[in-house]
PDB file of N, CA and C in Angstrom:
ATOM      1  N   UNK A   1      23.534 -30.305   7.342  1.00  0.00           N
ATOM      2  CA  UNK A   1      22.728 -30.083   6.424  1.00  0.00           C
ATOM      3  C   UNK A   1      21.574 -28.982   6.512  1.00  0.00           C
ATOM      4  N   UNK A   2      20.934 -29.225   7.600  1.00  0.00           N
ATOM      5  CA  UNK A   2      19.584 -27.944   8.016  1.00  0.00           C
ATOM      6  C   UNK A   2      20.396 -26.962   8.246  1.00  0.00           C
ATOM      7  N   UNK A   3      21.375 -26.629   8.566  1.00  0.00           N
ATOM      8  CA  UNK A   3      21.917 -25.267   8.548  1.00  0.00           C
ATOM      9  C   UNK A   3      22.242 -24.602   7.066  1.00  0.00           C
ATOM     10  N   UNK A   4      22.455 -25.404   6.118  1.00  0.00           N
ATOM     11  CA  UNK A   4      22.981 -25.180   4.901  1.00  0.00           C
ATOM     12  C   UNK A   4      21.302 -24.464   4.133  1.00  0.00           C
ATOM     13  N   UNK A   5      20.443 -25.569   4.113  1.00  0.00           N
ATOM     14  CA  UNK A   5      19.240 -25.372   3.835  1.00  0.00           C
ATOM     15  C   UNK A   5      18.676 -23.997   4.257  1.00  0.00           C
ATOM     16  N   UNK A   6      18.798 -23.693   5.628  1.00  0.00           N
ATOM     17  CA  UNK A   6      18.201 -22.563   6.209  1.00  0.00           C
ATOM     18  C   UNK A   6      18.935 -21.063   5.816  1.00  0.00           C
ATOM     19  N   UNK A   7      19.965 -21.104   5.505  1.00  0.00           N
ATOM     20  CA  UNK A   7      20.942 -20.356   5.340  1.00  0.00           C
ATOM     21  C   UNK A   7      20.002 -19.354   4.255  1.00  0.00           C
ATOM     22  N   UNK A   8      20.086 -18.028   4.617  1.00  0.00           N
ATOM     23  CA  UNK A   8      19.194 -17.191   3.665  1.00  0.00           C
ATOM     24  C   UNK A   8      19.622 -17.284   1.936  1.00  0.00           C
ATOM     25  N   UNK A   9      20.787 -17.420   1.502  1.00  0.00           N
ATOM     26  CA  UNK A   9      20.683 -17.303   0.104  1.00  0.00           C
ATOM     27  C   UNK A   9      19.986 -18.835  -0.624  1.00  0.00           C
ATOM     28  N   UNK A  10      20.650 -19.838   0.276  1.00  0.00           N
ATOM     29  CA  UNK A  10      19.998 -21.318  -0.486  1.00  0.00           C
ATOM     30  C   UNK A  10      18.373 -21.483  -0.243  1.00  0.00           C
ATOM     31  N   UNK A  11      18.038 -20.537   1.094  1.00  0.00           N
ATOM     32  CA  UNK A  11      16.299 -20.824   1.210  1.00  0.00           C
ATOM     33  C   UNK A  11      15.694 -19.949   0.424  1.00  0.00           C
ATOM     34  N   UNK A  12      16.252 -18.824  -0.019  1.00  0.00           N
ATOM     35  CA  UNK A  12      15.753 -18.123  -1.139  1.00  0.00           C
ATOM     36  C   UNK A  12      15.597 -18.877  -2.663  1.00  0.00           C
ATOM     37  N   UNK A  13      16.996 -19.409  -2.924  1.00  0.00           N
ATOM     38  CA  UNK A  13      16.952 -20.018  -4.317  1.00  0.00           C
ATOM     39  C   UNK A  13      15.931 -21.333  -4.493  1.00  0.00           C
ATOM     40  N   UNK A  14      15.862 -21.852  -3.041  1.00  0.00           N
ATOM     41  CA  UNK A  14      14.876 -22.830  -2.939  1.00  0.00           C
ATOM     42  C   UNK A  14      13.390 -22.724  -3.391  1.00  0.00           C
ATOM     43  N   UNK A  15      12.762 -21.562  -2.587  1.00  0.00           N
ATOM     44  CA  UNK A  15      11.583 -21.188  -2.577  1.00  0.00           C
ATOM     45  C   UNK A  15      11.565 -20.838  -4.364  1.00  0.00           C
ATOM     46  N   UNK A  16      12.405 -19.581  -4.613  1.00  0.00           N
ATOM     47  CA  UNK A  16      12.481 -19.272  -5.861  1.00  0.00           C
ATOM     48  C   UNK A  16      11.863 -20.623  -6.972  1.00  0.00           C
ATOM     49  N   UNK A  17      12.523 -21.569  -6.743  1.00  0.00           N
ATOM     50  CA  UNK A  17      12.648 -22.610  -7.801  1.00  0.00           C
ATOM     51  C   UNK A  17      11.266 -22.889  -7.526  1.00  0.00           C
ATOM     52  N   UNK A  18      10.884 -23.447  -6.257  1.00  0.00           N
ATOM     53  CA  UNK A  18       9.534 -23.947  -5.909  1.00  0.00           C
ATOM     54  C   UNK A  18       8.519 -23.473  -6.497  1.00  0.00           C
ATOM     55  N   UNK A  19       8.484 -22.147  -6.390  1.00  0.00           N
ATOM     56  CA  UNK A  19       7.295 -20.908  -6.911  1.00  0.00           C
ATOM     57  C   UNK A  19       7.620 -21.190  -8.140  1.00  0.00           C
ATOM     58  N   UNK A  20       8.540 -20.883  -9.058  1.00  0.00           N
ATOM     59  CA  UNK A  20       8.953 -21.190 -10.178  1.00  0.00           C
ATOM     60  C   UNK A  20       7.900 -22.246 -10.945  1.00  0.00           C
ATOM     61  N   UNK A  21       8.689 -23.414 -10.315  1.00  0.00           N
ATOM     62  CA  UNK A  21       7.664 -24.693 -10.984  1.00  0.00           C
ATOM     63  C   UNK A  21       6.492 -24.748 -10.812  1.00  0.00           C
ATOM     64  N   UNK A  22       5.661 -24.301  -9.571  1.00  0.00           N
ATOM     65  CA  UNK A  22       4.352 -24.604  -9.167  1.00  0.00           C
ATOM     66  C   UNK A  22       3.773 -23.285 -10.231  1.00  0.00           C
ATOM     67  N   UNK A  23       4.439 -22.216 -10.924  1.00  0.00           N
ATOM     68  CA  UNK A  23       3.790 -21.534 -11.561  1.00  0.00           C
ATOM     69  C   UNK A  23       3.786 -21.822 -12.892  1.00  0.00           C
ATOM     70  N   UNK A  24       4.818 -22.761 -13.201  1.00  0.00           N
ATOM     71  CA  UNK A  24       4.933 -23.563 -14.502  1.00  0.00           C
ATOM     72  C   UNK A  24       4.068 -24.281 -14.637  1.00  0.00           C
ATOM     73  N   UNK A  25       3.676 -25.237 -13.799  1.00  0.00           N
ATOM     74  CA  UNK A  25       3.115 -26.451 -14.216  1.00  0.00           C
ATOM     75  C   UNK A  25       1.702 -26.295 -13.512  1.00  0.00           C
ATOM     76  N   UNK A  26       1.127 -24.618 -13.230  1.00  0.00           N
ATOM     77  CA  UNK A  26      -0.121 -24.564 -13.132  1.00  0.00           C
ATOM     78  C   UNK A  26      -0.508 -23.767 -14.225  1.00  0.00           C
ATOM     79  N   UNK A  27       0.073 -23.350 -15.344  1.00  0.00           N
ATOM     80  CA  UNK A  27      -0.674 -22.605 -16.389  1.00  0.00           C
ATOM     81  C   UNK A  27      -1.420 -23.553 -17.394  1.00  0.00           C
ATOM     82  N   UNK A  28      -1.378 -24.612 -16.921  1.00  0.00           N
ATOM     83  CA  UNK A  28      -2.674 -25.701 -17.686  1.00  0.00           C
ATOM     84  C   UNK A  28      -3.733 -25.157 -17.068  1.00  0.00           C
ATOM     85  N   UNK A  29      -3.898 -25.265 -15.924  1.00  0.00           N
ATOM     86  CA  UNK A  29      -5.171 -25.106 -15.132  1.00  0.00           C
ATOM     87  C   UNK A  29      -5.525 -23.539 -15.484  1.00  0.00           C
ATOM     88  N   UNK A  30      -4.920 -22.601 -15.858  1.00  0.00           N
ATOM     89  CA  UNK A  30      -5.325 -20.970 -15.894  1.00  0.00           C
ATOM     90  C   UNK A  30      -6.354 -20.931 -16.849  1.00  0.00           C
ATOM     91  N   UNK A  31      -7.356 -19.735 -16.428  1.00  0.00           N
ATOM     92  CA  UNK A  31      -8.193 -19.405 -17.368  1.00  0.00           C
ATOM     93  C   UNK A  31      -7.853 -18.830 -18.672  1.00  0.00           C
ATOM     94  N   UNK A  32      -8.348 -18.494 -19.814  1.00  0.00           N
ATOM     95  CA  UNK A  32      -7.858 -18.301 -20.894  1.00  0.00           C
ATOM     96  C   UNK A  32      -9.188 -18.075 -21.696  1.00  0.00           C
ATOM     97  N   UNK A  33      -9.018 -16.616 -21.662  1.00  0.00           N
ATOM     98  CA  UNK A  33     -10.241 -15.766 -22.544  1.00  0.00           C
ATOM     99  C   UNK A  33      -9.954 -16.037 -23.827  1.00  0.00           C
ATOM    100  N   UNK A  34     -11.502 -16.198 -24.616  1.00  0.00           N
ATOM    101  CA  UNK A  34     -11.636 -16.310 -25.690  1.00  0.00           C
ATOM    102  C   UNK A  34     -12.269 -14.925 -26.541  1.00  0.00           C
ATOM    103  N   UNK A  35     -11.861 -14.674 -27.673  1.00  0.00           N
ATOM    104  CA  UNK A  35     -12.701 -13.335 -27.950  1.00  0.00           C
ATOM    105  C   UNK A  35     -11.780 -13.377 -29.653  1.00  0.00           C
ATOM    106  N   UNK A  36     -12.646 -12.388 -30.147  1.00  0.00           N
ATOM    107  CA  UNK A  36     -12.043 -11.946 -31.641  1.00  0.00           C
ATOM    108  C   UNK A  36     -10.732 -11.468 -31.446  1.00  0.00           C
ATOM    109  N   UNK A  37     -10.013 -11.891 -32.496  1.00  0.00           N
ATOM    110  CA  UNK A  37      -8.819 -11.677 -32.875  1.00  0.00           C
ATOM    111  C   UNK A  37      -8.205  -9.939 -32.522  1.00  0.00           C
ATOM    112  N   UNK A  38      -7.174  -9.787 -31.620  1.00  0.00           N
ATOM    113  CA  UNK A  38      -7.041  -8.081 -31.509  1.00  0.00           C
ATOM    114  C   UNK A  38      -7.295  -7.732 -30.186  1.00  0.00           C
ATOM    115  N   UNK A  39      -8.267  -8.292 -29.739  1.00  0.00           N
ATOM    116  CA  UNK A  39      -9.171  -7.874 -28.589  1.00  0.00           C
ATOM    117  C   UNK A  39      -8.406  -8.588 -27.120  1.00  0.00           C
ATOM    118  N   UNK A  40      -7.684  -9.311 -27.612  1.00  0.00           N
ATOM    119  CA  UNK A  40      -7.059  -9.670 -26.527  1.00  0.00           C
ATOM    120  C   UNK A  40      -5.826  -8.930 -25.754  1.00  0.00           C
ATOM    121  N   UNK A  41      -5.374  -7.921 -26.864  1.00  0.00           N
ATOM    122  CA  UNK A  41      -4.298  -7.245 -26.767  1.00  0.00           C
ATOM    123  C   UNK A  41      -4.946  -5.542 -26.345  1.00  0.00           C
ATOM    124  N   UNK A  42      -5.706  -5.471 -26.520  1.00  0.00           N
ATOM    125  CA  UNK A  42      -6.311  -4.101 -26.214  1.00  0.00           C
ATOM    126  C   UNK A  42      -6.625  -3.914 -24.463  1.00  0.00           C
ATOM    127  N   UNK A  43      -6.556  -2.794 -24.057  1.00  0.00           N
ATOM    128  CA  UNK A  43      -6.454  -2.626 -22.635  1.00  0.00           C
ATOM    129  C   UNK A  43      -7.857  -2.568 -22.289  1.00  0.00           C
ATOM    130  N   UNK A  44      -8.355  -3.094 -21.222  1.00  0.00           N
ATOM    131  CA  UNK A  44      -9.964  -3.182 -20.821  1.00  0.00           C
ATOM    132  C   UNK A  44     -10.101  -2.056 -20.017  1.00  0.00           C
ATOM    133  N   UNK A  45     -11.440  -1.036 -20.315  1.00  0.00           N
ATOM    134  CA  UNK A  45     -11.399   0.143 -19.624  1.00  0.00           C
ATOM    135  C   UNK A  45     -12.825   0.151 -18.977  1.00  0.00           C
ATOM    136  N   UNK A  46     -13.356  -0.733 -18.743  1.00  0.00           N
ATOM    137  CA  UNK A  46     -14.674  -1.225 -18.350  1.00  0.00           C
ATOM    138  C   UNK A  46     -15.759  -0.790 -19.467  1.00  0.00           C
ATOM    139  N   UNK A  47     -15.388  -1.086 -20.832  1.00  0.00           N
ATOM    140  CA  UNK A  47     -16.472  -1.267 -21.568  1.00  0.00           C
ATOM    141  C   UNK A  47     -16.343   0.165 -22.208  1.00  0.00           C
ATOM    142  N   UNK A  48     -15.499   0.834 -21.977  1.00  0.00           N
ATOM    143  CA  UNK A  48     -15.460   2.461 -22.229  1.00  0.00           C
ATOM    144  C   UNK A  48     -14.439   2.384 -23.746  1.00  0.00           C
ATOM    145  N   UNK A  49     -14.284   3.225 -24.873  1.00  0.00           N
ATOM    146  CA  UNK A  49     -13.423   3.280 -25.721  1.00  0.00           C
ATOM    147  C   UNK A  49     -12.742   4.325 -25.283  1.00  0.00           C
ATOM    148  N   UNK A  50     -11.577   3.752 -25.050  1.00  0.00           N
ATOM    149  CA  UNK A  50     -10.106   4.769 -24.397  1.00  0.00           C
ATOM    150  C   UNK A  50      -9.603   5.574 -25.336  1.00  0.00           C
ATOM    151  N   UNK A  51      -9.709   5.423 -26.661  1.00  0.00           N
ATOM    152  CA  UNK A  51      -9.138   6.503 -27.499  1.00  0.00           C
ATOM    153  C   UNK A  51      -9.759   7.467 -27.473  1.00  0.00           C
ATOM    154  N   UNK A  52     -11.367   7.641 -27.172  1.00  0.00           N
ATOM    155  CA  UNK A  52     -11.775   8.738 -27.437  1.00  0.00           C
ATOM    156  C   UNK A  52     -12.241   9.424 -26.381  1.00  0.00           C
ATOM    157  N   UNK A  53     -12.417   8.617 -25.079  1.00  0.00           N
ATOM    158  CA  UNK A  53     -12.893   9.222 -23.883  1.00  0.00           C
ATOM    159  C   UNK A  53     -11.618   8.993 -22.973  1.00  0.00           C
ATOM    160  N   UNK A  54     -10.965   9.844 -22.486  1.00  0.00           N
ATOM    161  CA  UNK A  54      -9.749   9.569 -21.380  1.00  0.00           C
ATOM    162  C   UNK A  54      -9.941   9.949 -20.456  1.00  0.00           C
ATOM    163  N   UNK A  55     -10.246   9.539 -18.967  1.00  0.00           N
ATOM    164  CA  UNK A  55     -10.618  10.170 -17.568  1.00  0.00           C
ATOM    165  C   UNK A  55      -9.459  10.672 -17.329  1.00  0.00           C
ATOM    166  N   UNK A  56      -9.274  11.757 -17.040  1.00  0.00           N
ATOM    167  CA  UNK A  56      -8.315  12.415 -16.186  1.00  0.00           C
ATOM    168  C   UNK A  56      -8.691  12.701 -14.611  1.00  0.00           C
ATOM    169  N   UNK A  57      -8.356  11.776 -13.619  1.00  0.00           N
ATOM    170  CA  UNK A  57      -8.934  12.028 -12.435  1.00  0.00           C
ATOM    171  C   UNK A  57      -8.341  13.412 -11.997  1.00  0.00           C
ATOM    172  N   UNK A  58      -8.897  13.810 -10.664  1.00  0.00           N
ATOM    173  CA  UNK A  58      -8.502  15.109  -9.939  1.00  0.00           C
ATOM    174  C   UNK A  58      -8.249  14.979  -8.537  1.00  0.00           C
ATOM    175  N   UNK A  59      -7.124  15.041  -8.256  1.00  0.00           N
ATOM    176  CA  UNK A  59      -6.437  14.769  -6.862  1.00  0.00           C
ATOM    177  C   UNK A  59      -6.450  15.530  -6.006  1.00  0.00           C
ATOM    178  N   UNK A  60      -6.929  16.962  -6.254  1.00  0.00           N
ATOM    179  CA  UNK A  60      -6.702  18.061  -5.420  1.00  0.00           C
ATOM    180  C   UNK A  60      -7.490  18.021  -4.244  1.00  0.00           C
ATOM    181  N   UNK A  61      -8.710  17.043  -4.027  1.00  0.00           N
ATOM    182  CA  UNK A  61      -9.496  16.576  -3.033  1.00  0.00           C
ATOM    183  C   UNK A  61      -9.268  15.468  -2.179  1.00  0.00           C
ATOM    184  N   UNK A  62      -8.128  14.511  -2.724  1.00  0.00           N
ATOM    185  CA  UNK A  62      -7.552  13.435  -2.522  1.00  0.00           C
ATOM    186  C   UNK A  62      -6.673  13.670  -1.260  1.00  0.00           C
ATOM    187  N   UNK A  63      -5.758  14.408  -1.565  1.00  0.00           N
ATOM    188  CA  UNK A  63      -4.431  14.626  -1.207  1.00  0.00           C
ATOM    189  C   UNK A  63      -4.630  15.083   0.351  1.00  0.00           C
ATOM    190  N   UNK A  64      -5.518  16.021   0.608  1.00  0.00           N
ATOM    191  CA  UNK A  64      -5.704  16.696   1.939  1.00  0.00           C
ATOM    192  C   UNK A  64      -6.160  15.497   2.681  1.00  0.00           C
ATOM    193  N   UNK A  65      -7.092  14.393   2.294  1.00  0.00           N
ATOM    194  CA  UNK A  65      -7.503  13.351   3.130  1.00  0.00           C
ATOM    195  C   UNK A  65      -6.782  12.373   3.252  1.00  0.00           C
ATOM    196  N   UNK A  66      -5.542  12.238   2.511  1.00  0.00           N
ATOM    197  CA  UNK A  66      -4.536  11.230   2.823  1.00  0.00           C
ATOM    198  C   UNK A  66      -3.692  12.152   3.521  1.00  0.00           C
ATOM    199  N   UNK A  67      -3.522  13.201   3.467  1.00  0.00           N
ATOM    200  CA  UNK A  67      -2.554  13.822   4.482  1.00  0.00           C
ATOM    201  C   UNK A  67      -3.112  13.648   5.967  1.00  0.00           C
ATOM    202  N   UNK A  68      -4.335  14.199   6.163  1.00  0.00           N
ATOM    203  CA  UNK A  68      -5.070  13.774   7.553  1.00  0.00           C
ATOM    204  C   UNK A  68      -5.239  12.332   7.859  1.00  0.00           C
ATOM    205  N   UNK A  69      -5.469  11.853   7.196  1.00  0.00           N
ATOM    206  CA  UNK A  69      -5.131  10.071   8.061  1.00  0.00           C
ATOM    207  C   UNK A  69      -3.998   9.558   8.314  1.00  0.00           C
ATOM    208  N   UNK A  70      -2.970  10.283   7.482  1.00  0.00           N
ATOM    209  CA  UNK A  70      -1.607   9.869   7.790  1.00  0.00           C
ATOM    210  C   UNK A  70      -1.279  10.764   9.056  1.00  0.00           C
ATOM    211  N   UNK A  71      -1.705  11.783   9.260  1.00  0.00           N
ATOM    212  CA  UNK A  71      -1.196  12.620  10.708  1.00  0.00           C
ATOM    213  C   UNK A  71      -1.783  12.007  11.807  1.00  0.00           C
ATOM    214  N   UNK A  72      -3.303  11.697  11.556  1.00  0.00           N
ATOM    215  CA  UNK A  72      -4.043  11.212  12.606  1.00  0.00           C
ATOM    216  C   UNK A  72      -3.198   9.441  12.859  1.00  0.00           C
ATOM    217  N   UNK A  73      -2.877   8.849  11.839  1.00  0.00           N
ATOM    218  CA  UNK A  73      -2.263   7.403  12.414  1.00  0.00           C
ATOM    219  C   UNK A  73      -0.955   7.581  13.034  1.00  0.00           C
ATOM    220  N   UNK A  74      -0.359   8.732  12.512  1.00  0.00           N
ATOM    221  CA  UNK A  74       1.127   8.786  13.277  1.00  0.00           C
ATOM    222  C   UNK A  74       0.904   9.225  14.576  1.00  0.00           C
ATOM    223  N   UNK A  75       0.199  10.273  14.913  1.00  0.00           N
ATOM    224  CA  UNK A  75      -0.123  11.090  16.072  1.00  0.00           C
ATOM    225  C   UNK A  75      -1.025   9.572  17.134  1.00  0.00           C
ATOM    226  N   UNK A  76      -1.725   8.690  16.491  1.00  0.00           N
ATOM    227  CA  UNK A  76      -2.073   7.774  17.208  1.00  0.00           C
ATOM    228  C   UNK A  76      -0.934   6.592  17.883  1.00  0.00           C
ATOM    229  N   UNK A  77       0.013   6.449  16.718  1.00  0.00           N
ATOM    230  CA  UNK A  77       1.077   5.514  17.257  1.00  0.00           C
ATOM    231  C   UNK A  77       2.067   5.860  18.250  1.00  0.00           C
ATOM    232  N   UNK A  78       2.271   7.274  17.959  1.00  0.00           N
ATOM    233  CA  UNK A  78       3.316   7.891  18.761  1.00  0.00           C
ATOM    234  C   UNK A  78       2.720   8.138  20.422  1.00  0.00           C
ATOM    235  N   UNK A  79       1.153   8.417  20.378  1.00  0.00           N
ATOM    236  CA  UNK A  79       0.729   8.496  21.567  1.00  0.00           C
ATOM    237  C   UNK A  79       0.580   7.383  22.397  1.00  0.00           C
ATOM    238  N   UNK A  80       0.097   6.449  21.561  1.00  0.00           N
ATOM    239  CA  UNK A  80      -0.245   4.768  22.374  1.00  0.00           C
ATOM    240  C   UNK A  80       0.945   4.356  22.777  1.00  0.00           C
ATOM    241  N   UNK A  81       2.047   4.502  22.252  1.00  0.00           N
ATOM    242  CA  UNK A  81       3.341   4.042  22.666  1.00  0.00           C
ATOM    243  C   UNK A  81       3.992   4.720  23.393  1.00  0.00           C
ATOM    244  N   UNK A  82       3.462   5.865  23.845  1.00  0.00           N
ATOM    245  CA  UNK A  82       4.433   6.718  24.742  1.00  0.00           C
ATOM    246  C   UNK A  82       4.098   6.089  26.076  1.00  0.00           C
ATOM    247  N   UNK A  83       5.215   6.314  27.047  1.00  0.00           N
ATOM    248  CA  UNK A  83       5.300   5.524  28.409  1.00  0.00           C
ATOM    249  C   UNK A  83       4.580   6.552  28.877  1.00  0.00           C
ATOM    250  N   UNK A  84       3.188   6.535  29.757  1.00  0.00           N
ATOM    251  CA  UNK A  84       2.597   7.660  30.429  1.00  0.00           C
ATOM    252  C   UNK A  84       2.727   7.993  31.921  1.00  0.00           C
ATOM    253  N   UNK A  85       3.625   6.745  32.212  1.00  0.00           N
ATOM    254  CA  UNK A  85       3.932   6.788  33.966  1.00  0.00           C
ATOM    255  C   UNK A  85       4.630   7.863  34.305  1.00  0.00           C
ATOM    256  N   UNK A  86       5.199   8.641  33.369  1.00  0.00           N
ATOM    257  CA  UNK A  86       6.067   9.750  33.925  1.00  0.00           C
ATOM    258  C   UNK A  86       5.435  10.841  33.442  1.00  0.00           C
ATOM    259  N   UNK A  87       5.908  12.037  33.963  1.00  0.00           N
ATOM    260  CA  UNK A  87       5.109  13.301  33.605  1.00  0.00           C
ATOM    261  C   UNK A  87       5.671  13.904  32.199  1.00  0.00           C
ATOM    262  N   UNK A  88       7.244  13.387  32.163  1.00  0.00           N
ATOM    263  CA  UNK A  88       7.851  13.825  30.728  1.00  0.00           C
ATOM    264  C   UNK A  88       6.912  13.660  29.732  1.00  0.00           C
ATOM    265  N   UNK A  89       7.099  12.013  29.680  1.00  0.00           N
ATOM    266  CA  UNK A  89       6.550  11.234  28.683  1.00  0.00           C
ATOM    267  C   UNK A  89       5.148  12.122  28.352  1.00  0.00           C
ATOM    268  N   UNK A  90       4.188  11.946  29.556  1.00  0.00           N
ATOM    269  CA  UNK A  90       2.776  12.795  29.143  1.00  0.00           C
ATOM    270  C   UNK A  90       2.740  13.895  28.488  1.00  0.00           C
ATOM    271  N   UNK A  91       3.709  14.798  28.799  1.00  0.00           N
ATOM    272  CA  UNK A  91       3.835  16.377  28.352  1.00  0.00           C
ATOM    273  C   UNK A  91       4.103  16.215  26.903  1.00  0.00           C
ATOM    274  N   UNK A  92       4.923  15.372  26.658  1.00  0.00           N
ATOM    275  CA  UNK A  92       5.582  15.077  25.377  1.00  0.00           C
ATOM    276  C   UNK A  92       4.627  14.471  24.198  1.00  0.00           C
ATOM    277  N   UNK A  93       3.521  13.590  24.760  1.00  0.00           N
ATOM    278  CA  UNK A  93       2.595  13.159  23.892  1.00  0.00           C
ATOM    279  C   UNK A  93       1.224  14.346  23.878  1.00  0.00           C
ATOM    280  N   UNK A  94       1.142  15.276  24.817  1.00  0.00           N
ATOM    281  CA  UNK A  94       0.174  16.625  24.943  1.00  0.00           C
ATOM    282  C   UNK A  94       0.640  17.070  23.749  1.00  0.00           C
ATOM    283  N   UNK A  95       1.827  17.601  24.094  1.00  0.00           N
ATOM    284  CA  UNK A  95       2.676  18.505  23.043  1.00  0.00           C
ATOM    285  C   UNK A  95       2.305  18.107  21.452  1.00  0.00           C
ATOM    286  N   UNK A  96       2.661  16.592  21.355  1.00  0.00           N
ATOM    287  CA  UNK A  96       2.327  15.780  19.865  1.00  0.00           C
ATOM    288  C   UNK A  96       1.174  16.319  19.684  1.00  0.00           C
ATOM    289  N   UNK A  97       0.330  15.865  20.093  1.00  0.00           N
ATOM    290  CA  UNK A  97      -1.368  15.823  20.081  1.00  0.00           C
ATOM    291  C   UNK A  97      -1.573  17.493  19.337  1.00  0.00           C
ATOM    292  N   UNK A  98      -0.958  18.398  20.530  1.00  0.00           N
ATOM    293  CA  UNK A  98      -1.303  20.038  20.004  1.00  0.00           C
ATOM    294  C   UNK A  98      -0.867  20.306  18.613  1.00  0.00           C
ATOM    295  N   UNK A  99       0.493  19.744  18.618  1.00  0.00           N
ATOM    296  CA  UNK A  99       1.143  20.020  17.070  1.00  0.00           C
ATOM    297  C   UNK A  99       0.356  19.318  15.827  1.00  0.00           C
ATOM    298  N   UNK A 100      -0.470  18.056  16.199  1.00  0.00           N
ATOM    299  CA  UNK A 100      -1.037  17.754  15.117  1.00  0.00           C
ATOM    300  C   UNK A 100      -2.249  18.401  14.937  1.00  0.00           C
ATOM    301  N   UNK A 101      -2.712  18.588  16.052  1.00  0.00           N
ATOM    302  CA  UNK A 101      -3.663  19.881  15.865  1.00  0.00           C
ATOM    303  C   UNK A 101      -3.750  21.050  15.020  1.00  0.00           C
ATOM    304  N   UNK A 102      -2.504  21.782  15.308  1.00  0.00           N
ATOM    305  CA  UNK A 102      -1.947  22.814  14.483  1.00  0.00           C
ATOM    306  C   UNK A 102      -2.024  22.363  13.390  1.00  0.00           C
ATOM    307  N   UNK A 103      -1.357  21.087  12.870  1.00  0.00           N
ATOM    308  CA  UNK A 103      -1.087  20.742  11.432  1.00  0.00           C
ATOM    309  C   UNK A 103      -2.447  20.497  10.779  1.00  0.00           C
ATOM    310  N   UNK A 104      -3.459  19.922  11.469  1.00  0.00           N
ATOM    311  CA  UNK A 104      -4.655  19.652  10.750  1.00  0.00           C
ATOM    312  C   UNK A 104      -5.100  21.039  10.217  1.00  0.00           C
ATOM    313  N   UNK A 105      -5.296  22.298  11.202  1.00  0.00           N
ATOM    314  CA  UNK A 105      -6.088  23.132  11.125  1.00  0.00           C
ATOM    315  C   UNK A 105      -5.542  24.013   9.848  1.00  0.00           C
ATOM    316  N   UNK A 106      -3.843  23.903   9.680  1.00  0.00           N
ATOM    317  CA  UNK A 106      -3.227  24.541   8.475  1.00  0.00           C
ATOM    318  C   UNK A 106      -3.716  23.570   7.614  1.00  0.00           C
ATOM    319  N   UNK A 107      -3.979  22.455   7.423  1.00  0.00           N
ATOM    320  CA  UNK A 107      -4.326  21.584   6.217  1.00  0.00           C
ATOM    321  C   UNK A 107      -5.613  21.958   6.018  1.00  0.00           C
ATOM    322  N   UNK A 108      -6.449  21.997   6.735  1.00  0.00           N
ATOM    323  CA  UNK A 108      -7.842  22.516   6.467  1.00  0.00           C
ATOM    324  C   UNK A 108      -8.008  23.750   6.590  1.00  0.00           C
ATOM    325  N   UNK A 109      -7.552  24.886   6.202  1.00  0.00           N
ATOM    326  CA  UNK A 109      -7.689  26.376   6.303  1.00  0.00           C
ATOM    327  C   UNK A 109      -8.471  26.957   5.600  1.00  0.00           C
ATOM    328  N   UNK A 110      -9.058  26.423   5.157  1.00  0.00           N
ATOM    329  CA  UNK A 110     -10.123  27.016   4.638  1.00  0.00           C
ATOM    330  C   UNK A 110     -10.935  26.738   3.209  1.00  0.00           C
TER     331      UNK A 110
END
């Protein structure tokens, strides 16, 4: 019986059923907003009227920094998991760092 309950399909169905029941019975405790009719169906925009003022975010400054952090995190992961006991791994780690530096120079080239 224990093996049957721990099998992935049965465990998934059991957890799904328990989660659904917990969600169903806890709706009575959920907060319900009060407001004028129609106000509950409008999108919340921080107090702004979104029909007359739409913000168009500009991501041109975001992507270089996102790539910067991605490159640094991958370099850190590779270098810290490299076995530095032998010379081959050390050389590969140093080459990886140099390649990342070249990539960062290309990324922020001006």
